[in-house]
Amino acid sequence: MKTLSARILLLAGLTVSLAACGHSQGDRAVSGGLIGAGTGAVIGAVTGIGPAGGAVIGGAVGAIGGAATSPRDVNLGRPVWHQPN
């Protein structure tokens, strides 16, 4: 059970870290929701919640995480002087 919990926490952390992909707040919310839904479906299938329930929960968490991030939190390969304020 400890291994499963550790895997879930690791995947959740990765989901949140990837949730900020995009230039605008809306882009980050959409990409975060999609990444979270995919990850949540996998976690839900493994934990017994079910893929649909996991996708809903993961999508919501990813969308909130993506919308809550700032463009300054993500570099996306641009030089520092091109970062939005």
N, C-alpha and C. Protein backbone atom coordinates (compact mmCIF):
# COMPACT_ATOMS: atom_id res chain seq x y z
N MET A 1 0.82 -1.19 0.00
CA MET A 1 0.00 0.00 0.00
C MET A 1 0.87 1.26 0.00
N LYS A 2 2.01 1.23 0.70
CA LYS A 2 2.89 2.39 0.73
C LYS A 2 3.43 2.70 -0.66
N THR A 3 3.75 1.65 -1.42
CA THR A 3 4.26 1.85 -2.77
C THR A 3 3.22 2.51 -3.65
N LEU A 4 1.97 2.07 -3.54
CA LEU A 4 0.88 2.66 -4.32
C LEU A 4 0.68 4.12 -3.95
N SER A 5 0.71 4.43 -2.68
CA SER A 5 0.56 5.82 -2.23
C SER A 5 1.70 6.69 -2.74
N ALA A 6 2.91 6.15 -2.71
CA ALA A 6 4.06 6.91 -3.21
C ALA A 6 3.94 7.16 -4.70
N ARG A 7 3.46 6.19 -5.44
CA ARG A 7 3.29 6.37 -6.88
C ARG A 7 2.21 7.41 -7.18
N ILE A 8 1.14 7.37 -6.43
CA ILE A 8 0.07 8.34 -6.63
C ILE A 8 0.57 9.75 -6.34
N LEU A 9 1.31 9.93 -5.25
CA LEU A 9 1.86 11.25 -4.93
C LEU A 9 2.86 11.71 -5.98
N LEU A 10 3.67 10.80 -6.50
CA LEU A 10 4.62 11.16 -7.54
C LEU A 10 3.90 11.60 -8.81
N LEU A 11 2.91 10.84 -9.23
CA LEU A 11 2.16 11.21 -10.43
C LEU A 11 1.39 12.51 -10.24
N ALA A 12 0.86 12.72 -9.05
CA ALA A 12 0.15 13.98 -8.78
C ALA A 12 1.11 15.15 -8.86
N GLY A 13 2.32 14.99 -8.32
CA GLY A 13 3.32 16.05 -8.40
C GLY A 13 3.73 16.35 -9.83
N LEU A 14 3.90 15.30 -10.62
CA LEU A 14 4.23 15.50 -12.02
C LEU A 14 3.10 16.19 -12.76
N THR A 15 1.88 15.83 -12.44
CA THR A 15 0.73 16.46 -13.08
C THR A 15 0.70 17.95 -12.79
N VAL A 16 0.90 18.32 -11.55
CA VAL A 16 0.87 19.73 -11.19
C VAL A 16 2.03 20.48 -11.84
N SER A 17 3.20 19.83 -11.92
CA SER A 17 4.34 20.52 -12.53
C SER A 17 4.15 20.72 -14.03
N LEU A 18 3.42 19.83 -14.67
CA LEU A 18 3.17 19.96 -16.10
C LEU A 18 1.93 20.78 -16.41
N ALA A 19 1.18 21.13 -15.40
CA ALA A 19 -0.08 21.81 -15.62
C ALA A 19 0.08 23.23 -16.13
N ALA A 20 1.28 23.77 -16.08
CA ALA A 20 1.47 25.16 -16.44
C ALA A 20 1.97 25.34 -17.87
N CYS A 21 1.73 24.40 -18.75
CA CYS A 21 2.19 24.51 -20.13
C CYS A 21 1.24 25.43 -20.90
N GLY A 22 1.73 26.55 -21.39
CA GLY A 22 0.92 27.48 -22.16
C GLY A 22 1.32 28.91 -21.88
N HIS A 23 0.96 29.79 -22.80
CA HIS A 23 1.34 31.20 -22.67
C HIS A 23 0.33 32.00 -21.88
N SER A 24 -0.96 31.75 -22.08
CA SER A 24 -1.98 32.51 -21.36
C SER A 24 -2.56 31.66 -20.23
N GLN A 25 -3.28 32.31 -19.34
CA GLN A 25 -3.90 31.59 -18.24
C GLN A 25 -4.89 30.54 -18.75
N GLY A 26 -5.63 30.87 -19.78
CA GLY A 26 -6.57 29.90 -20.36
C GLY A 26 -5.87 28.71 -20.97
N ASP A 27 -4.75 28.96 -21.67
CA ASP A 27 -3.97 27.86 -22.25
C ASP A 27 -3.47 26.92 -21.16
N ARG A 28 -2.97 27.49 -20.08
CA ARG A 28 -2.45 26.67 -18.99
C ARG A 28 -3.57 25.89 -18.32
N ALA A 29 -4.75 26.48 -18.19
CA ALA A 29 -5.87 25.77 -17.58
C ALA A 29 -6.31 24.60 -18.45
N VAL A 30 -6.38 24.81 -19.77
CA VAL A 30 -6.80 23.74 -20.68
C VAL A 30 -5.77 22.62 -20.71
N SER A 31 -4.49 22.99 -20.89
CA SER A 31 -3.47 21.94 -20.96
C SER A 31 -3.34 21.22 -19.62
N GLY A 32 -3.46 21.94 -18.53
CA GLY A 32 -3.42 21.31 -17.21
C GLY A 32 -4.58 20.36 -17.01
N GLY A 33 -5.76 20.77 -17.47
CA GLY A 33 -6.93 19.89 -17.37
C GLY A 33 -6.78 18.62 -18.19
N LEU A 34 -6.24 18.76 -19.39
CA LEU A 34 -6.04 17.58 -20.24
C LEU A 34 -4.99 16.64 -19.68
N ILE A 35 -3.89 17.19 -19.24
CA ILE A 35 -2.84 16.36 -18.64
C ILE A 35 -3.35 15.70 -17.36
N GLY A 36 -4.05 16.47 -16.55
CA GLY A 36 -4.61 15.93 -15.31
C GLY A 36 -5.65 14.85 -15.56
N ALA A 37 -6.47 15.02 -16.58
CA ALA A 37 -7.48 14.01 -16.89
C ALA A 37 -6.84 12.70 -17.33
N GLY A 38 -5.80 12.79 -18.15
CA GLY A 38 -5.11 11.58 -18.59
C GLY A 38 -4.43 10.87 -17.44
N THR A 39 -3.74 11.63 -16.62
CA THR A 39 -3.07 11.04 -15.47
C THR A 39 -4.09 10.51 -14.46
N GLY A 40 -5.15 11.25 -14.25
CA GLY A 40 -6.19 10.82 -13.32
C GLY A 40 -6.88 9.54 -13.76
N ALA A 41 -7.06 9.38 -15.07
CA ALA A 41 -7.68 8.15 -15.58
C ALA A 41 -6.81 6.94 -15.28
N VAL A 42 -5.50 7.11 -15.45
CA VAL A 42 -4.58 6.01 -15.15
C VAL A 42 -4.57 5.71 -13.66
N ILE A 43 -4.47 6.74 -12.84
CA ILE A 43 -4.47 6.53 -11.39
C ILE A 43 -5.79 5.94 -10.93
N GLY A 44 -6.90 6.43 -11.48
CA GLY A 44 -8.21 5.91 -11.11
C GLY A 44 -8.37 4.44 -11.46
N ALA A 45 -7.83 4.03 -12.59
CA ALA A 45 -7.91 2.63 -12.99
C ALA A 45 -7.11 1.73 -12.06
N VAL A 46 -5.98 2.23 -11.57
CA VAL A 46 -5.12 1.44 -10.69
C VAL A 46 -5.67 1.39 -9.28
N THR A 47 -6.28 2.47 -8.81
CA THR A 47 -6.71 2.54 -7.41
C THR A 47 -8.12 2.03 -7.16
N GLY A 48 -8.87 1.79 -8.19
CA GLY A 48 -10.22 1.29 -7.98
C GLY A 48 -11.29 2.36 -8.06
N ILE A 49 -10.92 3.62 -8.19
CA ILE A 49 -11.90 4.69 -8.36
C ILE A 49 -12.58 4.54 -9.71
N GLY A 50 -11.83 4.07 -10.67
CA GLY A 50 -12.31 3.93 -12.04
C GLY A 50 -11.72 5.01 -12.90
N PRO A 51 -11.50 4.70 -14.18
CA PRO A 51 -10.89 5.70 -15.07
C PRO A 51 -11.70 6.97 -15.21
N ALA A 52 -13.01 6.86 -15.27
CA ALA A 52 -13.85 8.06 -15.44
C ALA A 52 -13.77 8.97 -14.22
N GLY A 53 -13.89 8.40 -13.05
CA GLY A 53 -13.80 9.19 -11.82
C GLY A 53 -12.43 9.82 -11.65
N GLY A 54 -11.38 9.05 -11.97
CA GLY A 54 -10.03 9.59 -11.89
C GLY A 54 -9.81 10.70 -12.88
N ALA A 55 -10.38 10.56 -14.10
CA ALA A 55 -10.22 11.60 -15.12
C ALA A 55 -10.91 12.89 -14.69
N VAL A 56 -12.08 12.78 -14.08
CA VAL A 56 -12.79 13.98 -13.62
C VAL A 56 -12.01 14.69 -12.53
N ILE A 57 -11.54 13.93 -11.55
CA ILE A 57 -10.79 14.53 -10.44
C ILE A 57 -9.47 15.10 -10.95
N GLY A 58 -8.73 14.32 -11.74
CA GLY A 58 -7.45 14.78 -12.26
C GLY A 58 -7.59 15.98 -13.18
N GLY A 59 -8.63 15.98 -14.00
CA GLY A 59 -8.87 17.12 -14.88
C GLY A 59 -9.16 18.40 -14.11
N ALA A 60 -9.95 18.28 -13.06
CA ALA A 60 -10.27 19.46 -12.24
C ALA A 60 -9.03 19.99 -11.53
N VAL A 61 -8.24 19.08 -10.95
CA VAL A 61 -7.03 19.50 -10.25
C VAL A 61 -6.03 20.11 -11.23
N GLY A 62 -5.87 19.50 -12.39
CA GLY A 62 -4.94 20.03 -13.39
C GLY A 62 -5.36 21.39 -13.92
N ALA A 63 -6.66 21.57 -14.16
CA ALA A 63 -7.15 22.86 -14.65
C ALA A 63 -6.95 23.96 -13.61
N ILE A 64 -7.22 23.65 -12.38
CA ILE A 64 -7.02 24.64 -11.31
C ILE A 64 -5.54 24.96 -11.16
N GLY A 65 -4.71 23.92 -11.19
CA GLY A 65 -3.27 24.14 -11.09
C GLY A 65 -2.72 24.95 -12.25
N GLY A 66 -3.20 24.66 -13.46
CA GLY A 66 -2.76 25.41 -14.63
C GLY A 66 -3.19 26.86 -14.59
N ALA A 67 -4.42 27.10 -14.16
CA ALA A 67 -4.94 28.46 -14.09
C ALA A 67 -4.27 29.27 -12.98
N ALA A 68 -3.81 28.58 -11.94
CA ALA A 68 -3.20 29.27 -10.81
C ALA A 68 -1.74 29.64 -11.04
N THR A 69 -1.13 29.10 -12.09
CA THR A 69 0.28 29.40 -12.33
C THR A 69 0.44 30.71 -13.09
N SER A 70 1.60 31.27 -12.98
CA SER A 70 1.94 32.52 -13.65
C SER A 70 2.86 32.23 -14.82
N PRO A 71 2.85 33.04 -15.88
CA PRO A 71 3.79 32.83 -16.98
C PRO A 71 5.24 32.88 -16.52
N ARG A 72 5.50 33.56 -15.42
CA ARG A 72 6.86 33.61 -14.89
C ARG A 72 7.30 32.28 -14.30
N ASP A 73 6.35 31.41 -13.96
CA ASP A 73 6.68 30.12 -13.38
C ASP A 73 7.18 29.13 -14.43
N VAL A 74 6.93 29.41 -15.70
CA VAL A 74 7.26 28.48 -16.77
C VAL A 74 8.11 29.19 -17.81
N ASN A 75 9.23 28.60 -18.22
CA ASN A 75 10.12 29.23 -19.17
C ASN A 75 9.73 28.91 -20.60
N LEU A 76 9.36 27.69 -20.92
CA LEU A 76 9.00 27.23 -22.26
C LEU A 76 10.10 27.50 -23.29
N GLY A 77 11.36 27.57 -22.85
CA GLY A 77 12.47 27.69 -23.75
C GLY A 77 12.76 29.09 -24.24
N ARG A 78 12.03 30.09 -23.77
CA ARG A 78 12.26 31.47 -24.20
C ARG A 78 13.35 32.09 -23.32
N PRO A 79 14.12 32.99 -23.90
CA PRO A 79 15.10 33.70 -23.08
C PRO A 79 14.40 34.51 -21.99
N VAL A 80 15.08 34.75 -20.91
CA VAL A 80 14.49 35.43 -19.75
C VAL A 80 13.95 36.80 -20.12
N TRP A 81 14.63 37.53 -21.00
CA TRP A 81 14.18 38.88 -21.34
C TRP A 81 12.90 38.88 -22.17
N HIS A 82 12.44 37.72 -22.65
CA HIS A 82 11.18 37.63 -23.40
C HIS A 82 10.02 37.19 -22.53
N GLN A 83 10.25 37.01 -21.26
CA GLN A 83 9.19 36.57 -20.36
C GLN A 83 8.20 37.70 -20.14
N PRO A 84 6.89 37.37 -20.14
CA PRO A 84 5.89 38.43 -19.86
C PRO A 84 5.99 38.90 -18.42
N ASN A 85 5.51 40.10 -18.17
CA ASN A 85 5.57 40.66 -16.82
C ASN A 85 4.52 40.10 -15.96
